[in-house]
PDB file of N, CA and C in Angstrom:
ATOM      1  N   UNK A   1      97.413 134.752 138.259  1.00  0.00           N
ATOM      2  CA  UNK A   1      98.576 135.288 137.611  1.00  0.00           C
ATOM      3  C   UNK A   1      99.850 134.985 138.385  1.00  0.00           C
ATOM      4  N   UNK A   2     100.934 135.288 137.765  1.00  0.00           N
ATOM      5  CA  UNK A   2     102.244 135.082 138.419  1.00  0.00           C
ATOM      6  C   UNK A   2     102.485 136.247 139.363  1.00  0.00           C
ATOM      7  N   UNK A   3     102.716 135.915 140.623  1.00  0.00           N
ATOM      8  CA  UNK A   3     102.902 136.954 141.632  1.00  0.00           C
ATOM      9  C   UNK A   3     104.334 137.029 142.151  1.00  0.00           C
ATOM     10  N   UNK A   4     105.043 135.932 142.159  1.00  0.00           N
ATOM     11  CA  UNK A   4     106.385 135.921 142.741  1.00  0.00           C
ATOM     12  C   UNK A   4     107.381 135.270 141.778  1.00  0.00           C
ATOM     13  N   UNK A   5     108.467 135.983 141.533  1.00  0.00           N
ATOM     14  CA  UNK A   5     109.556 135.483 140.686  1.00  0.00           C
ATOM     15  C   UNK A   5     110.856 135.738 141.449  1.00  0.00           C
ATOM     16  N   UNK A   6     111.702 134.721 141.540  1.00  0.00           N
ATOM     17  CA  UNK A   6     112.978 134.854 142.219  1.00  0.00           C
ATOM     18  C   UNK A   6     114.081 134.611 141.202  1.00  0.00           C
ATOM     19  N   UNK A   7     115.003 135.547 141.065  1.00  0.00           N
ATOM     20  CA  UNK A   7     116.131 135.422 140.142  1.00  0.00           C
ATOM     21  C   UNK A   7     117.420 135.736 140.905  1.00  0.00           C
ATOM     22  N   UNK A   8     118.536 135.176 140.440  1.00  0.00           N
ATOM     23  CA  UNK A   8     119.829 135.461 141.046  1.00  0.00           C
ATOM     24  C   UNK A   8     120.001 134.904 142.448  1.00  0.00           C
ATOM     25  N   UNK A   9     119.344 133.804 142.748  1.00  0.00           N
ATOM     26  CA  UNK A   9     119.381 133.187 144.072  1.00  0.00           C
ATOM     27  C   UNK A   9     120.425 132.052 144.059  1.00  0.00           C
ATOM     28  N   UNK A  10     121.352 132.094 145.034  1.00  0.00           N
ATOM     29  CA  UNK A  10     122.368 131.039 145.057  1.00  0.00           C
ATOM     30  C   UNK A  10     121.887 129.823 145.848  1.00  0.00           C
ATOM     31  N   UNK A  11     121.175 130.034 146.947  1.00  0.00           N
ATOM     32  CA  UNK A  11     120.664 128.918 147.764  1.00  0.00           C
ATOM     33  C   UNK A  11     119.182 128.744 147.461  1.00  0.00           C
ATOM     34  N   UNK A  12     118.887 128.125 146.352  1.00  0.00           N
ATOM     35  CA  UNK A  12     117.512 128.027 145.863  1.00  0.00           C
ATOM     36  C   UNK A  12     116.623 127.181 146.770  1.00  0.00           C
ATOM     37  N   UNK A  13     117.154 126.137 147.313  1.00  0.00           N
ATOM     38  CA  UNK A  13     116.341 125.265 148.166  1.00  0.00           C
ATOM     39  C   UNK A  13     115.860 125.956 149.415  1.00  0.00           C
ATOM     40  N   UNK A  14     116.733 126.727 150.058  1.00  0.00           N
ATOM     41  CA  UNK A  14     116.323 127.459 151.269  1.00  0.00           C
ATOM     42  C   UNK A  14     115.254 128.509 150.960  1.00  0.00           C
ATOM     43  N   UNK A  15     115.421 129.223 149.871  1.00  0.00           N
ATOM     44  CA  UNK A  15     114.430 130.234 149.463  1.00  0.00           C
ATOM     45  C   UNK A  15     113.099 129.543 149.152  1.00  0.00           C
ATOM     46  N   UNK A  16     113.190 128.412 148.436  1.00  0.00           N
ATOM     47  CA  UNK A  16     111.991 127.660 148.109  1.00  0.00           C
ATOM     48  C   UNK A  16     111.254 127.215 149.365  1.00  0.00           C
ATOM     49  N   UNK A  17     111.960 126.612 150.291  1.00  0.00           N
ATOM     50  CA  UNK A  17     111.342 126.158 151.539  1.00  0.00           C
ATOM     51  C   UNK A  17     110.690 127.308 152.321  1.00  0.00           C
ATOM     52  N   UNK A  18     111.398 128.416 152.422  1.00  0.00           N
ATOM     53  CA  UNK A  18     110.838 129.576 153.148  1.00  0.00           C
ATOM     54  C   UNK A  18     109.588 130.109 152.423  1.00  0.00           C
ATOM     55  N   UNK A  19     109.627 130.162 151.117  1.00  0.00           N
ATOM     56  CA  UNK A  19     108.460 130.656 150.366  1.00  0.00           C
ATOM     57  C   UNK A  19     107.262 129.717 150.528  1.00  0.00           C
ATOM     58  N   UNK A  20     107.487 128.432 150.441  1.00  0.00           N
ATOM     59  CA  UNK A  20     106.384 127.471 150.581  1.00  0.00           C
ATOM     60  C   UNK A  20     105.776 127.592 151.973  1.00  0.00           C
ATOM     61  N   UNK A  21     106.602 127.723 153.002  1.00  0.00           N
ATOM     62  CA  UNK A  21     106.104 127.862 154.364  1.00  0.00           C
ATOM     63  C   UNK A  21     105.350 129.186 154.548  1.00  0.00           C
ATOM     64  N   UNK A  22     105.964 130.259 154.103  1.00  0.00           N
ATOM     65  CA  UNK A  22     105.377 131.577 154.268  1.00  0.00           C
ATOM     66  C   UNK A  22     104.010 131.683 153.594  1.00  0.00           C
ATOM     67  N   UNK A  23     103.878 131.113 152.405  1.00  0.00           N
ATOM     68  CA  UNK A  23     102.662 131.207 151.629  1.00  0.00           C
ATOM     69  C   UNK A  23     101.711 130.054 151.887  1.00  0.00           C
ATOM     70  N   UNK A  24     102.120 129.105 152.734  1.00  0.00           N
ATOM     71  CA  UNK A  24     101.340 127.932 153.091  1.00  0.00           C
ATOM     72  C   UNK A  24     100.908 127.164 151.820  1.00  0.00           C
ATOM     73  N   UNK A  25     101.897 126.868 150.998  1.00  0.00           N
ATOM     74  CA  UNK A  25     101.660 126.188 149.735  1.00  0.00           C
ATOM     75  C   UNK A  25     101.963 124.716 149.815  1.00  0.00           C
ATOM     76  N   UNK A  26     101.337 123.980 148.911  1.00  0.00           N
ATOM     77  CA  UNK A  26     101.646 122.559 148.753  1.00  0.00           C
ATOM     78  C   UNK A  26     102.633 122.466 147.597  1.00  0.00           C
ATOM     79  N   UNK A  27     103.844 121.955 147.851  1.00  0.00           N
ATOM     80  CA  UNK A  27     104.849 121.889 146.762  1.00  0.00           C
ATOM     81  C   UNK A  27     104.360 121.149 145.542  1.00  0.00           C
ATOM     82  N   UNK A  28     103.385 120.206 145.730  1.00  0.00           N
ATOM     83  CA  UNK A  28     102.830 119.474 144.610  1.00  0.00           C
ATOM     84  C   UNK A  28     102.056 120.361 143.630  1.00  0.00           C
ATOM     85  N   UNK A  29     101.669 121.562 144.082  1.00  0.00           N
ATOM     86  CA  UNK A  29     100.890 122.499 143.244  1.00  0.00           C
ATOM     87  C   UNK A  29     101.761 123.566 142.614  1.00  0.00           C
ATOM     88  N   UNK A  30     103.083 123.393 142.682  1.00  0.00           N
ATOM     89  CA  UNK A  30     104.003 124.406 142.202  1.00  0.00           C
ATOM     90  C   UNK A  30     104.680 123.965 140.905  1.00  0.00           C
ATOM     91  N   UNK A  31     104.709 124.874 139.920  1.00  0.00           N
ATOM     92  CA  UNK A  31     105.475 124.702 138.720  1.00  0.00           C
ATOM     93  C   UNK A  31     106.793 125.414 138.909  1.00  0.00           C
ATOM     94  N   UNK A  32     107.895 124.762 138.618  1.00  0.00           N
ATOM     95  CA  UNK A  32     109.232 125.366 138.717  1.00  0.00           C
ATOM     96  C   UNK A  32     109.968 125.070 137.429  1.00  0.00           C
ATOM     97  N   UNK A  33     110.485 126.137 136.804  1.00  0.00           N
ATOM     98  CA  UNK A  33     111.262 125.946 135.585  1.00  0.00           C
ATOM     99  C   UNK A  33     112.718 126.187 135.906  1.00  0.00           C
ATOM    100  N   UNK A  34     113.548 125.233 135.572  1.00  0.00           N
ATOM    101  CA  UNK A  34     114.981 125.367 135.768  1.00  0.00           C
ATOM    102  C   UNK A  34     115.727 124.824 134.566  1.00  0.00           C
ATOM    103  N   UNK A  35     117.044 125.117 134.528  1.00  0.00           N
ATOM    104  CA  UNK A  35     117.798 124.685 133.384  1.00  0.00           C
ATOM    105  C   UNK A  35     119.148 124.084 133.698  1.00  0.00           C
ATOM    106  N   UNK A  36     119.555 124.142 134.978  1.00  0.00           N
ATOM    107  CA  UNK A  36     120.881 123.649 135.305  1.00  0.00           C
ATOM    108  C   UNK A  36     120.889 123.015 136.703  1.00  0.00           C
ATOM    109  N   UNK A  37     122.008 122.423 137.073  1.00  0.00           N
ATOM    110  CA  UNK A  37     122.096 121.642 138.300  1.00  0.00           C
ATOM    111  C   UNK A  37     121.710 122.395 139.577  1.00  0.00           C
ATOM    112  N   UNK A  38     121.954 123.720 139.702  1.00  0.00           N
ATOM    113  CA  UNK A  38     121.521 124.389 140.934  1.00  0.00           C
ATOM    114  C   UNK A  38     119.996 124.342 141.140  1.00  0.00           C
ATOM    115  N   UNK A  39     119.246 124.015 140.097  1.00  0.00           N
ATOM    116  CA  UNK A  39     117.784 123.911 140.186  1.00  0.00           C
ATOM    117  C   UNK A  39     117.311 122.524 140.591  1.00  0.00           C
ATOM    118  N   UNK A  40     118.195 121.557 140.560  1.00  0.00           N
ATOM    119  CA  UNK A  40     117.797 120.144 140.725  1.00  0.00           C
ATOM    120  C   UNK A  40     117.034 119.858 142.025  1.00  0.00           C
ATOM    121  N   UNK A  41     117.556 120.269 143.132  1.00  0.00           N
ATOM    122  CA  UNK A  41     116.961 119.923 144.430  1.00  0.00           C
ATOM    123  C   UNK A  41     115.563 120.517 144.591  1.00  0.00           C
ATOM    124  N   UNK A  42     115.360 121.735 144.086  1.00  0.00           N
ATOM    125  CA  UNK A  42     114.036 122.322 144.158  1.00  0.00           C
ATOM    126  C   UNK A  42     113.090 121.551 143.218  1.00  0.00           C
ATOM    127  N   UNK A  43     113.564 121.283 142.016  1.00  0.00           N
ATOM    128  CA  UNK A  43     112.738 120.617 141.012  1.00  0.00           C
ATOM    129  C   UNK A  43     112.295 119.222 141.469  1.00  0.00           C
ATOM    130  N   UNK A  44     113.107 118.576 142.309  1.00  0.00           N
ATOM    131  CA  UNK A  44     112.714 117.233 142.867  1.00  0.00           C
ATOM    132  C   UNK A  44     111.495 117.353 143.782  1.00  0.00           C
ATOM    133  N   UNK A  45     111.241 118.545 144.295  1.00  0.00           N
ATOM    134  CA  UNK A  45     110.211 118.721 145.314  1.00  0.00           C
ATOM    135  C   UNK A  45     108.907 119.329 144.840  1.00  0.00           C
ATOM    136  N   UNK A  46     108.805 119.683 143.572  1.00  0.00           N
ATOM    137  CA  UNK A  46     107.622 120.351 143.072  1.00  0.00           C
ATOM    138  C   UNK A  46     106.750 119.388 142.227  1.00  0.00           C
ATOM    139  N   UNK A  47     105.502 119.756 142.055  1.00  0.00           N
ATOM    140  CA  UNK A  47     104.587 118.918 141.289  1.00  0.00           C
ATOM    141  C   UNK A  47     104.819 118.974 139.806  1.00  0.00           C
ATOM    142  N   UNK A  48     105.296 120.093 139.290  1.00  0.00           N
ATOM    143  CA  UNK A  48     105.519 120.217 137.842  1.00  0.00           C
ATOM    144  C   UNK A  48     106.856 120.853 137.536  1.00  0.00           C
ATOM    145  N   UNK A  49     107.928 120.050 137.547  1.00  0.00           N
ATOM    146  CA  UNK A  49     109.207 120.553 137.112  1.00  0.00           C
ATOM    147  C   UNK A  49     109.222 120.663 135.582  1.00  0.00           C
ATOM    148  N   UNK A  50     109.715 121.807 135.093  1.00  0.00           N
ATOM    149  CA  UNK A  50     109.755 122.032 133.645  1.00  0.00           C
ATOM    150  C   UNK A  50     111.115 122.669 133.289  1.00  0.00           C
ATOM    151  N   UNK A  51     111.470 122.569 132.007  1.00  0.00           N
ATOM    152  CA  UNK A  51     112.743 123.129 131.583  1.00  0.00           C
ATOM    153  C   UNK A  51     112.724 123.447 130.104  1.00  0.00           C
ATOM    154  N   UNK A  52     113.674 124.268 129.654  1.00  0.00           N
ATOM    155  CA  UNK A  52     113.836 124.508 128.210  1.00  0.00           C
ATOM    156  C   UNK A  52     114.524 123.325 127.556  1.00  0.00           C
ATOM    157  N   UNK A  53     114.446 123.242 126.262  1.00  0.00           N
ATOM    158  CA  UNK A  53     115.027 122.094 125.537  1.00  0.00           C
ATOM    159  C   UNK A  53     116.549 122.045 125.640  1.00  0.00           C
ATOM    160  N   UNK A  54     117.199 123.140 125.962  1.00  0.00           N
ATOM    161  CA  UNK A  54     118.652 123.156 126.075  1.00  0.00           C
ATOM    162  C   UNK A  54     119.165 123.079 127.521  1.00  0.00           C
ATOM    163  N   UNK A  55     118.336 122.557 128.410  1.00  0.00           N
ATOM    164  CA  UNK A  55     118.740 122.412 129.814  1.00  0.00           C
ATOM    165  C   UNK A  55     119.750 121.282 129.959  1.00  0.00           C
ATOM    166  N   UNK A  56     120.410 121.236 131.103  1.00  0.00           N
ATOM    167  CA  UNK A  56     121.331 120.137 131.429  1.00  0.00           C
ATOM    168  C   UNK A  56     120.564 118.803 131.366  1.00  0.00           C
ATOM    169  N   UNK A  57     121.254 117.758 130.943  1.00  0.00           N
ATOM    170  CA  UNK A  57     120.586 116.464 130.770  1.00  0.00           C
ATOM    171  C   UNK A  57     119.915 115.967 132.072  1.00  0.00           C
ATOM    172  N   UNK A  58     120.526 116.202 133.207  1.00  0.00           N
ATOM    173  CA  UNK A  58     119.940 115.778 134.477  1.00  0.00           C
ATOM    174  C   UNK A  58     118.602 116.485 134.729  1.00  0.00           C
ATOM    175  N   UNK A  59     118.524 117.732 134.314  1.00  0.00           N
ATOM    176  CA  UNK A  59     117.292 118.520 134.498  1.00  0.00           C
ATOM    177  C   UNK A  59     116.223 118.052 133.526  1.00  0.00           C
ATOM    178  N   UNK A  60     116.612 117.754 132.299  1.00  0.00           N
ATOM    179  CA  UNK A  60     115.665 117.250 131.299  1.00  0.00           C
ATOM    180  C   UNK A  60     115.076 115.938 131.800  1.00  0.00           C
ATOM    181  N   UNK A  61     115.925 115.050 132.319  1.00  0.00           N
ATOM    182  CA  UNK A  61     115.457 113.748 132.818  1.00  0.00           C
ATOM    183  C   UNK A  61     114.468 113.880 133.968  1.00  0.00           C
ATOM    184  N   UNK A  62     114.634 114.901 134.787  1.00  0.00           N
ATOM    185  CA  UNK A  62     113.783 115.121 135.946  1.00  0.00           C
ATOM    186  C   UNK A  62     112.463 115.839 135.590  1.00  0.00           C
ATOM    187  N   UNK A  63     112.449 116.554 134.504  1.00  0.00           N
ATOM    188  CA  UNK A  63     111.320 117.419 134.150  1.00  0.00           C
ATOM    189  C   UNK A  63     110.101 116.605 133.650  1.00  0.00           C
ATOM    190  N   UNK A  64     108.919 117.095 134.039  1.00  0.00           N
ATOM    191  CA  UNK A  64     107.674 116.515 133.543  1.00  0.00           C
ATOM    192  C   UNK A  64     107.286 117.149 132.228  1.00  0.00           C
ATOM    193  N   UNK A  65     107.807 118.364 131.978  1.00  0.00           N
ATOM    194  CA  UNK A  65     107.575 119.005 130.691  1.00  0.00           C
ATOM    195  C   UNK A  65     108.871 119.637 130.197  1.00  0.00           C
ATOM    196  N   UNK A  66     109.259 119.343 128.989  1.00  0.00           N
ATOM    197  CA  UNK A  66     110.415 119.944 128.352  1.00  0.00           C
ATOM    198  C   UNK A  66     109.907 120.799 127.213  1.00  0.00           C
ATOM    199  N   UNK A  67     110.102 122.119 127.313  1.00  0.00           N
ATOM    200  CA  UNK A  67     109.658 123.015 126.233  1.00  0.00           C
ATOM    201  C   UNK A  67     110.468 122.720 124.991  1.00  0.00           C
ATOM    202  N   UNK A  68     109.820 122.836 123.819  1.00  0.00           N
ATOM    203  CA  UNK A  68     110.577 122.720 122.589  1.00  0.00           C
ATOM    204  C   UNK A  68     111.428 123.950 122.300  1.00  0.00           C
ATOM    205  N   UNK A  69     111.257 124.979 123.133  1.00  0.00           N
ATOM    206  CA  UNK A  69     112.006 126.231 122.992  1.00  0.00           C
ATOM    207  C   UNK A  69     113.237 126.216 123.868  1.00  0.00           C
ATOM    208  N   UNK A  70     114.255 126.927 123.433  1.00  0.00           N
ATOM    209  CA  UNK A  70     115.487 127.057 124.218  1.00  0.00           C
ATOM    210  C   UNK A  70     115.316 128.175 125.278  1.00  0.00           C
ATOM    211  N   UNK A  71     116.217 128.138 126.264  1.00  0.00           N
ATOM    212  CA  UNK A  71     116.219 129.198 127.255  1.00  0.00           C
ATOM    213  C   UNK A  71     116.484 130.537 126.595  1.00  0.00           C
ATOM    214  N   UNK A  72     115.690 131.523 126.940  1.00  0.00           N
ATOM    215  CA  UNK A  72     115.835 132.856 126.318  1.00  0.00           C
ATOM    216  C   UNK A  72     115.244 132.938 124.926  1.00  0.00           C
ATOM    217  N   UNK A  73     114.616 131.881 124.483  1.00  0.00           N
ATOM    218  CA  UNK A  73     114.033 131.806 123.123  1.00  0.00           C
ATOM    219  C   UNK A  73     112.564 131.450 123.121  1.00  0.00           C
ATOM    220  N   UNK A  74     111.868 131.800 124.212  1.00  0.00           N
ATOM    221  CA  UNK A  74     110.422 131.569 124.232  1.00  0.00           C
ATOM    222  C   UNK A  74     109.949 130.434 125.147  1.00  0.00           C
ATOM    223  N   UNK A  75     110.850 129.814 125.903  1.00  0.00           N
ATOM    224  CA  UNK A  75     110.421 128.688 126.705  1.00  0.00           C
ATOM    225  C   UNK A  75     109.470 129.082 127.855  1.00  0.00           C
ATOM    226  N   UNK A  76     109.689 130.222 128.469  1.00  0.00           N
ATOM    227  CA  UNK A  76     108.782 130.643 129.541  1.00  0.00           C
ATOM    228  C   UNK A  76     107.392 130.902 129.000  1.00  0.00           C
ATOM    229  N   UNK A  77     107.315 131.607 127.877  1.00  0.00           N
ATOM    230  CA  UNK A  77     106.023 131.856 127.243  1.00  0.00           C
ATOM    231  C   UNK A  77     105.330 130.561 126.895  1.00  0.00           C
ATOM    232  N   UNK A  78     106.087 129.593 126.366  1.00  0.00           N
ATOM    233  CA  UNK A  78     105.549 128.298 126.004  1.00  0.00           C
ATOM    234  C   UNK A  78     104.915 127.632 127.225  1.00  0.00           C
ATOM    235  N   UNK A  79     105.602 127.609 128.345  1.00  0.00           N
ATOM    236  CA  UNK A  79     105.099 126.961 129.541  1.00  0.00           C
ATOM    237  C   UNK A  79     103.878 127.718 130.083  1.00  0.00           C
ATOM    238  N   UNK A  80     103.943 129.037 130.118  1.00  0.00           N
ATOM    239  CA  UNK A  80     102.807 129.831 130.616  1.00  0.00           C
ATOM    240  C   UNK A  80     101.579 129.559 129.744  1.00  0.00           C
ATOM    241  N   UNK A  81     101.731 129.531 128.428  1.00  0.00           N
ATOM    242  CA  UNK A  81     100.623 129.256 127.558  1.00  0.00           C
ATOM    243  C   UNK A  81     100.024 127.867 127.818  1.00  0.00           C
ATOM    244  N   UNK A  82     100.884 126.877 127.960  1.00  0.00           N
ATOM    245  CA  UNK A  82     100.410 125.492 128.210  1.00  0.00           C
ATOM    246  C   UNK A  82      99.569 125.441 129.514  1.00  0.00           C
ATOM    247  N   UNK A  83     100.059 126.058 130.570  1.00  0.00           N
ATOM    248  CA  UNK A  83      99.360 126.031 131.837  1.00  0.00           C
ATOM    249  C   UNK A  83      98.025 126.773 131.734  1.00  0.00           C
ATOM    250  N   UNK A  84      98.060 127.920 131.077  1.00  0.00           N
ATOM    251  CA  UNK A  84      96.788 128.697 130.929  1.00  0.00           C
ATOM    252  C   UNK A  84      95.763 127.926 130.079  1.00  0.00           C
ATOM    253  N   UNK A  85      96.226 127.246 129.074  1.00  0.00           N
ATOM    254  CA  UNK A  85      95.304 126.448 128.232  1.00  0.00           C
ATOM    255  C   UNK A  85      94.689 125.291 129.041  1.00  0.00           C
ATOM    256  N   UNK A  86      95.509 124.618 129.837  1.00  0.00           N
ATOM    257  CA  UNK A  86      95.016 123.515 130.651  1.00  0.00           C
ATOM    258  C   UNK A  86      93.931 124.006 131.611  1.00  0.00           C
ATOM    259  N   UNK A  87      94.124 125.206 132.164  1.00  0.00           N
ATOM    260  CA  UNK A  87      93.152 125.783 133.116  1.00  0.00           C
ATOM    261  C   UNK A  87      92.059 126.607 132.402  1.00  0.00           C
ATOM    262  N   UNK A  88      92.040 126.528 131.093  1.00  0.00           N
ATOM    263  CA  UNK A  88      91.049 127.257 130.267  1.00  0.00           C
ATOM    264  C   UNK A  88      91.050 128.739 130.544  1.00  0.00           C
ATOM    265  N   UNK A  89      92.257 129.315 130.707  1.00  0.00           N
ATOM    266  CA  UNK A  89      92.402 130.732 130.963  1.00  0.00           C
ATOM    267  C   UNK A  89      93.155 131.428 129.841  1.00  0.00           C
ATOM    268  N   UNK A  90      93.455 130.735 128.777  1.00  0.00           N
ATOM    269  CA  UNK A  90      94.183 131.336 127.638  1.00  0.00           C
ATOM    270  C   UNK A  90      93.161 132.227 126.919  1.00  0.00           C
ATOM    271  N   UNK A  91      93.423 133.545 126.823  1.00  0.00           N
ATOM    272  CA  UNK A  91      92.404 134.477 126.298  1.00  0.00           C
ATOM    273  C   UNK A  91      92.335 134.546 124.772  1.00  0.00           C
ATOM    274  N   UNK A  92      93.178 133.811 124.082  1.00  0.00           N
ATOM    275  CA  UNK A  92      93.233 133.914 122.620  1.00  0.00           C
ATOM    276  C   UNK A  92      92.771 132.624 121.980  1.00  0.00           C
ATOM    277  N   UNK A  93      92.109 132.749 120.860  1.00  0.00           N
ATOM    278  CA  UNK A  93      91.654 131.585 120.118  1.00  0.00           C
ATOM    279  C   UNK A  93      92.555 131.382 118.918  1.00  0.00           C
ATOM    280  N   UNK A  94      92.620 130.142 118.486  1.00  0.00           N
ATOM    281  CA  UNK A  94      93.365 129.859 117.265  1.00  0.00           C
ATOM    282  C   UNK A  94      92.615 130.492 116.093  1.00  0.00           C
ATOM    283  N   UNK A  95      93.372 131.140 115.182  1.00  0.00           N
ATOM    284  CA  UNK A  95      92.706 131.691 113.995  1.00  0.00           C
ATOM    285  C   UNK A  95      92.111 130.585 113.134  1.00  0.00           C
ATOM    286  N   UNK A  96      90.957 130.821 112.583  1.00  0.00           N
ATOM    287  CA  UNK A  96      90.317 129.844 111.730  1.00  0.00           C
ATOM    288  C   UNK A  96      90.775 130.065 110.293  1.00  0.00           C
ATOM    289  N   UNK A  97      90.945 128.956 109.578  1.00  0.00           N
ATOM    290  CA  UNK A  97      91.352 129.064 108.172  1.00  0.00           C
ATOM    291  C   UNK A  97      90.180 129.526 107.318  1.00  0.00           C
ATOM    292  N   UNK A  98      90.463 130.420 106.417  1.00  0.00           N
ATOM    293  CA  UNK A  98      89.456 130.885 105.495  1.00  0.00           C
ATOM    294  C   UNK A  98      89.626 130.112 104.160  1.00  0.00           C
ATOM    295  N   UNK A  99      88.547 129.569 103.656  1.00  0.00           N
ATOM    296  CA  UNK A  99      88.605 128.809 102.404  1.00  0.00           C
ATOM    297  C   UNK A  99      88.404 129.686 101.208  1.00  0.00           C
TER     298      UNK A  99
END
């Protein structure tokens, strides 16, 4: 599950570096969702940079996944669902059509 969320951070790269070191993480195993230029330097260093469809063009170009949802309109849920499905941890099944 998601254990750490950082919001309202002005120096994102310093916080990212400290977090990676403290938790002994491999940046290649981190998903980071950003939408504007202050996110750029961190997103360059992670394994899965992602963004909403209305992110800055530079962020969209850098992202490995661009959600079809806008920021504040379901993009986080979209990304969480995608990751959980890839890891076969999505607890819900698609409804089957009744004929």
